Amino acid sequence: TFDKPPNPRNREIVNRRASTKPTD
């Protein structure tokens, strides 16, 4: 979805490796 308004973010945060394990 694209419902939430965009927020400024740091490029390093965007490129940070993270887990995509679902919680549901």
PDB file of all heavy atoms in Angstrom:
ATOM      1  N   THR A   1       0.829  -1.204   0.000  1.00  0.00           N
ATOM      2  CA  THR A   1       0.000   0.000   0.000  1.00  0.00           C
ATOM      3  C   THR A   1       0.863   1.253   0.000  1.00  0.00           C
ATOM      4  O   THR A   1       2.056   1.226   0.354  1.00  0.00           O
ATOM      5  CB  THR A   1      -0.914   0.019   1.235  1.00  0.00           C
ATOM      6  OG1 THR A   1      -0.109   0.044   2.418  1.00  0.00           O
ATOM      7  CG2 THR A   1      -1.806  -1.224   1.257  1.00  0.00           C
ATOM      8  N   PHE A   2       0.242   2.382  -0.397  1.00  0.00           N
ATOM      9  CA  PHE A   2       0.924   3.677  -0.438  1.00  0.00           C
ATOM     10  C   PHE A   2       0.050   4.735   0.237  1.00  0.00           C
ATOM     11  O   PHE A   2      -0.135   5.841  -0.262  1.00  0.00           O
ATOM     12  CB  PHE A   2       1.217   4.079  -1.892  1.00  0.00           C
ATOM     13  CG  PHE A   2       2.138   3.149  -2.603  1.00  0.00           C
ATOM     14  CD1 PHE A   2       1.655   1.973  -3.172  1.00  0.00           C
ATOM     15  CD2 PHE A   2       3.476   3.418  -2.694  1.00  0.00           C
ATOM     16  CE1 PHE A   2       2.502   1.108  -3.829  1.00  0.00           C
ATOM     17  CE2 PHE A   2       4.338   2.559  -3.362  1.00  0.00           C
ATOM     18  CZ  PHE A   2       3.847   1.388  -3.918  1.00  0.00           C
ATOM     19  N   ASP A   3      -0.530   4.370   1.386  1.00  0.00           N
ATOM     20  CA  ASP A   3      -1.494   5.239   2.056  1.00  0.00           C
ATOM     21  C   ASP A   3      -0.835   6.285   2.954  1.00  0.00           C
ATOM     22  O   ASP A   3      -1.328   7.403   3.088  1.00  0.00           O
ATOM     23  CB  ASP A   3      -2.469   4.401   2.885  1.00  0.00           C
ATOM     24  CG  ASP A   3      -3.259   3.433   2.009  1.00  0.00           C
ATOM     25  OD1 ASP A   3      -3.480   3.775   0.836  1.00  0.00           O
ATOM     26  OD2 ASP A   3      -3.649   2.355   2.519  1.00  0.00           O
ATOM     27  N   LYS A   4       0.285   5.923   3.569  1.00  0.00           N
ATOM     28  CA  LYS A   4       0.916   6.849   4.510  1.00  0.00           C
ATOM     29  C   LYS A   4       1.683   7.932   3.747  1.00  0.00           C
ATOM     30  O   LYS A   4       2.290   7.651   2.710  1.00  0.00           O
ATOM     31  CB  LYS A   4       1.860   6.092   5.443  1.00  0.00           C
ATOM     32  CG  LYS A   4       1.148   5.071   6.321  1.00  0.00           C
ATOM     33  CD  LYS A   4       2.142   4.353   7.221  1.00  0.00           C
ATOM     34  CE  LYS A   4       1.415   3.326   8.085  1.00  0.00           C
ATOM     35  NZ  LYS A   4       2.354   2.580   8.965  1.00  0.00           N
ATOM     36  N   PRO A   5       1.698   9.151   4.245  1.00  0.00           N
ATOM     37  CA  PRO A   5       2.441  10.226   3.569  1.00  0.00           C
ATOM     38  C   PRO A   5       3.936   9.976   3.646  1.00  0.00           C
ATOM     39  O   PRO A   5       4.427   9.349   4.587  1.00  0.00           O
ATOM     40  CB  PRO A   5       2.036  11.474   4.359  1.00  0.00           C
ATOM     41  CG  PRO A   5       1.660  10.966   5.710  1.00  0.00           C
ATOM     42  CD  PRO A   5       1.026   9.622   5.469  1.00  0.00           C
ATOM     43  N   PRO A   6       4.686  10.427   2.640  1.00  0.00           N
ATOM     44  CA  PRO A   6       6.140  10.202   2.650  1.00  0.00           C
ATOM     45  C   PRO A   6       6.819  10.974   3.764  1.00  0.00           C
ATOM     46  O   PRO A   6       6.408  12.074   4.130  1.00  0.00           O
ATOM     47  CB  PRO A   6       6.560  10.697   1.267  1.00  0.00           C
ATOM     48  CG  PRO A   6       5.521  11.698   0.884  1.00  0.00           C
ATOM     49  CD  PRO A   6       4.233  11.203   1.481  1.00  0.00           C
ATOM     50  N   ASN A   7       7.866  10.387   4.312  1.00  0.00           N
ATOM     51  CA  ASN A   7       8.672  11.032   5.343  1.00  0.00           C
ATOM     52  C   ASN A   7      10.107  11.115   4.860  1.00  0.00           C
ATOM     53  O   ASN A   7      10.584  10.228   4.128  1.00  0.00           O
ATOM     54  CB  ASN A   7       8.632  10.248   6.656  1.00  0.00           C
ATOM     55  CG  ASN A   7       7.239  10.221   7.255  1.00  0.00           C
ATOM     56  OD1 ASN A   7       6.528  11.213   7.226  1.00  0.00           O
ATOM     57  ND2 ASN A   7       6.861   9.069   7.797  1.00  0.00           N
ATOM     58  N   PRO A   8      10.817  12.154   5.235  1.00  0.00           N
ATOM     59  CA  PRO A   8      12.239  12.234   4.861  1.00  0.00           C
ATOM     60  C   PRO A   8      13.000  11.107   5.532  1.00  0.00           C
ATOM     61  O   PRO A   8      12.708  10.709   6.644  1.00  0.00           O
ATOM     62  CB  PRO A   8      12.672  13.601   5.393  1.00  0.00           C
ATOM     63  CG  PRO A   8      11.684  13.924   6.472  1.00  0.00           C
ATOM     64  CD  PRO A   8      10.386  13.321   6.043  1.00  0.00           C
ATOM     65  N   ARG A   9      13.949  10.615   4.840  1.00  0.00           N
ATOM     66  CA  ARG A   9      14.737   9.511   5.390  1.00  0.00           C
ATOM     67  C   ARG A   9      16.191   9.641   4.949  1.00  0.00           C
ATOM     68  O   ARG A   9      16.506  10.273   3.945  1.00  0.00           O
ATOM     69  CB  ARG A   9      14.184   8.166   4.945  1.00  0.00           C
ATOM     70  CG  ARG A   9      14.217   7.990   3.446  1.00  0.00           C
ATOM     71  CD  ARG A   9      13.575   6.680   3.035  1.00  0.00           C
ATOM     72  NE  ARG A   9      12.185   6.632   3.421  1.00  0.00           N
ATOM     73  CZ  ARG A   9      11.202   7.226   2.728  1.00  0.00           C
ATOM     74  NH1 ARG A   9      11.480   7.918   1.645  1.00  0.00           N
ATOM     75  NH2 ARG A   9       9.948   7.145   3.124  1.00  0.00           N
ATOM     76  N   ASN A  10      17.051   9.032   5.676  1.00  0.00           N
ATOM     77  CA  ASN A  10      18.466   9.019   5.367  1.00  0.00           C
ATOM     78  C   ASN A  10      18.762   7.880   4.410  1.00  0.00           C
ATOM     79  O   ASN A  10      18.247   6.785   4.562  1.00  0.00           O
ATOM     80  CB  ASN A  10      19.260   8.839   6.667  1.00  0.00           C
ATOM     81  CG  ASN A  10      20.755   8.941   6.446  1.00  0.00           C
ATOM     82  OD1 ASN A  10      21.342   8.039   5.891  1.00  0.00           O
ATOM     83  ND2 ASN A  10      21.345  10.053   6.890  1.00  0.00           N
ATOM     84  N   ARG A  11      19.587   8.124   3.373  1.00  0.00           N
ATOM     85  CA  ARG A  11      19.876   7.091   2.378  1.00  0.00           C
ATOM     86  C   ARG A  11      20.529   5.879   3.002  1.00  0.00           C
ATOM     87  O   ARG A  11      20.302   4.746   2.608  1.00  0.00           O
ATOM     88  CB  ARG A  11      20.767   7.673   1.278  1.00  0.00           C
ATOM     89  CG  ARG A  11      21.173   6.644   0.227  1.00  0.00           C
ATOM     90  CD  ARG A  11      21.896   7.271  -0.941  1.00  0.00           C
ATOM     91  NE  ARG A  11      21.049   8.248  -1.611  1.00  0.00           N
ATOM     92  CZ  ARG A  11      21.450   9.001  -2.643  1.00  0.00           C
ATOM     93  NH1 ARG A  11      22.679   8.900  -3.088  1.00  0.00           N
ATOM     94  NH2 ARG A  11      20.619   9.849  -3.179  1.00  0.00           N
ATOM     95  N   GLU A  12      21.391   6.105   4.031  1.00  0.00           N
ATOM     96  CA  GLU A  12      22.025   4.965   4.685  1.00  0.00           C
ATOM     97  C   GLU A  12      20.997   4.092   5.381  1.00  0.00           C
ATOM     98  O   GLU A  12      21.117   2.866   5.396  1.00  0.00           O
ATOM     99  CB  GLU A  12      23.062   5.450   5.700  1.00  0.00           C
ATOM    100  CG  GLU A  12      24.262   6.114   5.052  1.00  0.00           C
ATOM    101  CD  GLU A  12      25.262   6.567   6.087  1.00  0.00           C
ATOM    102  OE1 GLU A  12      25.005   6.286   7.287  1.00  0.00           O
ATOM    103  OE2 GLU A  12      26.264   7.151   5.728  1.00  0.00           O
ATOM    104  N   ILE A  13      19.962   4.729   5.950  1.00  0.00           N
ATOM    105  CA  ILE A  13      18.921   3.945   6.607  1.00  0.00           C
ATOM    106  C   ILE A  13      18.147   3.134   5.582  1.00  0.00           C
ATOM    107  O   ILE A  13      17.811   1.977   5.795  1.00  0.00           O
ATOM    108  CB  ILE A  13      17.982   4.866   7.394  1.00  0.00           C
ATOM    109  CG1 ILE A  13      18.753   5.572   8.510  1.00  0.00           C
ATOM    110  CG2 ILE A  13      16.807   4.082   7.960  1.00  0.00           C
ATOM    111  CD1 ILE A  13      17.903   6.552   9.302  1.00  0.00           C
ATOM    112  N   VAL A  14      17.884   3.761   4.423  1.00  0.00           N
ATOM    113  CA  VAL A  14      17.134   3.074   3.386  1.00  0.00           C
ATOM    114  C   VAL A  14      17.874   1.846   2.902  1.00  0.00           C
ATOM    115  O   VAL A  14      17.280   0.787   2.639  1.00  0.00           O
ATOM    116  CB  VAL A  14      16.859   4.031   2.194  1.00  0.00           C
ATOM    117  CG1 VAL A  14      16.238   3.268   1.038  1.00  0.00           C
ATOM    118  CG2 VAL A  14      15.974   5.164   2.635  1.00  0.00           C
ATOM    119  N   ASN A  15      19.216   1.983   2.785  1.00  0.00           N
ATOM    120  CA  ASN A  15      20.005   0.884   2.240  1.00  0.00           C
ATOM    121  C   ASN A  15      20.440  -0.126   3.290  1.00  0.00           C
ATOM    122  O   ASN A  15      21.139  -1.081   2.983  1.00  0.00           O
ATOM    123  CB  ASN A  15      21.255   1.436   1.538  1.00  0.00           C
ATOM    124  CG  ASN A  15      20.899   2.215   0.281  1.00  0.00           C
ATOM    125  OD1 ASN A  15      19.858   1.969  -0.328  1.00  0.00           O
ATOM    126  ND2 ASN A  15      21.757   3.166  -0.105  1.00  0.00           N
ATOM    127  N   ARG A  16      20.052   0.117   4.542  1.00  0.00           N
ATOM    128  CA  ARG A  16      20.471  -0.791   5.611  1.00  0.00           C
ATOM    129  C   ARG A  16      19.827  -2.154   5.419  1.00  0.00           C
ATOM    130  O   ARG A  16      18.656  -2.263   5.109  1.00  0.00           O
ATOM    131  CB  ARG A  16      20.062  -0.231   6.968  1.00  0.00           C
ATOM    132  CG  ARG A  16      20.526  -1.101   8.130  1.00  0.00           C
ATOM    133  CD  ARG A  16      20.062  -0.467   9.421  1.00  0.00           C
ATOM    134  NE  ARG A  16      20.622   0.885   9.545  1.00  0.00           N
ATOM    135  CZ  ARG A  16      20.164   1.801  10.394  1.00  0.00           C
ATOM    136  NH1 ARG A  16      19.141   1.537  11.172  1.00  0.00           N
ATOM    137  NH2 ARG A  16      20.721   3.008  10.453  1.00  0.00           N
ATOM    138  N   ARG A  17      20.616  -3.176   5.610  1.00  0.00           N
ATOM    139  CA  ARG A  17      20.089  -4.542   5.509  1.00  0.00           C
ATOM    140  C   ARG A  17      19.179  -4.843   6.692  1.00  0.00           C
ATOM    141  O   ARG A  17      19.545  -4.572   7.819  1.00  0.00           O
ATOM    142  CB  ARG A  17      21.250  -5.531   5.494  1.00  0.00           C
ATOM    143  CG  ARG A  17      20.829  -6.947   5.162  1.00  0.00           C
ATOM    144  CD  ARG A  17      22.066  -7.795   5.028  1.00  0.00           C
ATOM    145  NE  ARG A  17      21.721  -9.123   4.584  1.00  0.00           N
ATOM    146  CZ  ARG A  17      22.387  -9.780   3.658  1.00  0.00           C
ATOM    147  NH1 ARG A  17      23.389  -9.223   3.056  1.00  0.00           N
ATOM    148  NH2 ARG A  17      22.042 -11.000   3.327  1.00  0.00           N
ATOM    149  N   ALA A  18      17.984  -5.363   6.414  1.00  0.00           N
ATOM    150  CA  ALA A  18      17.023  -5.640   7.476  1.00  0.00           C
ATOM    151  C   ALA A  18      16.293  -6.925   7.188  1.00  0.00           C
ATOM    152  O   ALA A  18      16.274  -7.403   6.060  1.00  0.00           O
ATOM    153  CB  ALA A  18      16.035  -4.483   7.614  1.00  0.00           C
ATOM    154  N   SER A  19      15.719  -7.430   8.240  1.00  0.00           N
ATOM    155  CA  SER A  19      14.967  -8.676   8.088  1.00  0.00           C
ATOM    156  C   SER A  19      13.578  -8.384   7.566  1.00  0.00           C
ATOM    157  O   SER A  19      12.964  -7.393   7.914  1.00  0.00           O
ATOM    158  CB  SER A  19      14.860  -9.408   9.430  1.00  0.00           C
ATOM    159  OG  SER A  19      13.980 -10.492   9.300  1.00  0.00           O
ATOM    160  N   THR A  20      13.066  -9.266   6.725  1.00  0.00           N
ATOM    161  CA  THR A  20      11.705  -9.137   6.197  1.00  0.00           C
ATOM    162  C   THR A  20      10.814 -10.237   6.722  1.00  0.00           C
ATOM    163  O   THR A  20       9.790 -10.539   6.140  1.00  0.00           O
ATOM    164  CB  THR A  20      11.715  -9.203   4.657  1.00  0.00           C
ATOM    165  OG1 THR A  20      12.270 -10.442   4.261  1.00  0.00           O
ATOM    166  CG2 THR A  20      12.487  -8.052   4.075  1.00  0.00           C
ATOM    167  N   LYS A  21      11.187 -10.839   7.839  1.00  0.00           N
ATOM    168  CA  LYS A  21      10.354 -11.907   8.393  1.00  0.00           C
ATOM    169  C   LYS A  21       9.000 -11.355   8.802  1.00  0.00           C
ATOM    170  O   LYS A  21       8.909 -10.434   9.601  1.00  0.00           O
ATOM    171  CB  LYS A  21      11.032 -12.533   9.619  1.00  0.00           C
ATOM    172  CG  LYS A  21      10.210 -13.655  10.233  1.00  0.00           C
ATOM    173  CD  LYS A  21      10.927 -14.231  11.434  1.00  0.00           C
ATOM    174  CE  LYS A  21      10.112 -15.328  12.078  1.00  0.00           C
ATOM    175  NZ  LYS A  21      10.773 -15.888  13.270  1.00  0.00           N
ATOM    176  N   PRO A  22       7.892 -11.890   8.270  1.00  0.00           N
ATOM    177  CA  PRO A  22       6.575 -11.342   8.599  1.00  0.00           C
ATOM    178  C   PRO A  22       6.189 -11.661  10.038  1.00  0.00           C
ATOM    179  O   PRO A  22       6.592 -12.660  10.601  1.00  0.00           O
ATOM    180  CB  PRO A  22       5.651 -12.051   7.613  1.00  0.00           C
ATOM    181  CG  PRO A  22       6.355 -13.325   7.295  1.00  0.00           C
ATOM    182  CD  PRO A  22       7.812 -12.999   7.333  1.00  0.00           C
ATOM    183  N   THR A  23       5.403 -10.768  10.610  1.00  0.00           N
ATOM    184  CA  THR A  23       4.936 -10.997  11.971  1.00  0.00           C
ATOM    185  C   THR A  23       3.558 -11.614  12.003  1.00  0.00           C
ATOM    186  O   THR A  23       3.101 -12.047  13.039  1.00  0.00           O
ATOM    187  CB  THR A  23       4.899  -9.672  12.742  1.00  0.00           C
ATOM    188  OG1 THR A  23       4.056  -8.755  12.041  1.00  0.00           O
ATOM    189  CG2 THR A  23       6.294  -9.081  12.868  1.00  0.00           C
ATOM    190  N   ASP A  24       2.867 -11.633  10.882  1.00  0.00           N
ATOM    191  CA  ASP A  24       1.529 -12.225  10.830  1.00  0.00           C
ATOM    192  C   ASP A  24       1.641 -13.659  10.349  1.00  0.00           C
ATOM    193  O   ASP A  24       1.976 -13.909   9.207  1.00  0.00           O
ATOM    194  CB  ASP A  24       0.650 -11.417   9.869  1.00  0.00           C
ATOM    195  CG  ASP A  24      -0.749 -12.000   9.773  1.00  0.00           C
ATOM    196  OD1 ASP A  24      -1.059 -12.884  10.590  1.00  0.00           O
ATOM    197  OD2 ASP A  24      -1.503 -11.573   8.883  1.00  0.00           O
TER     198      ASP A  24
END
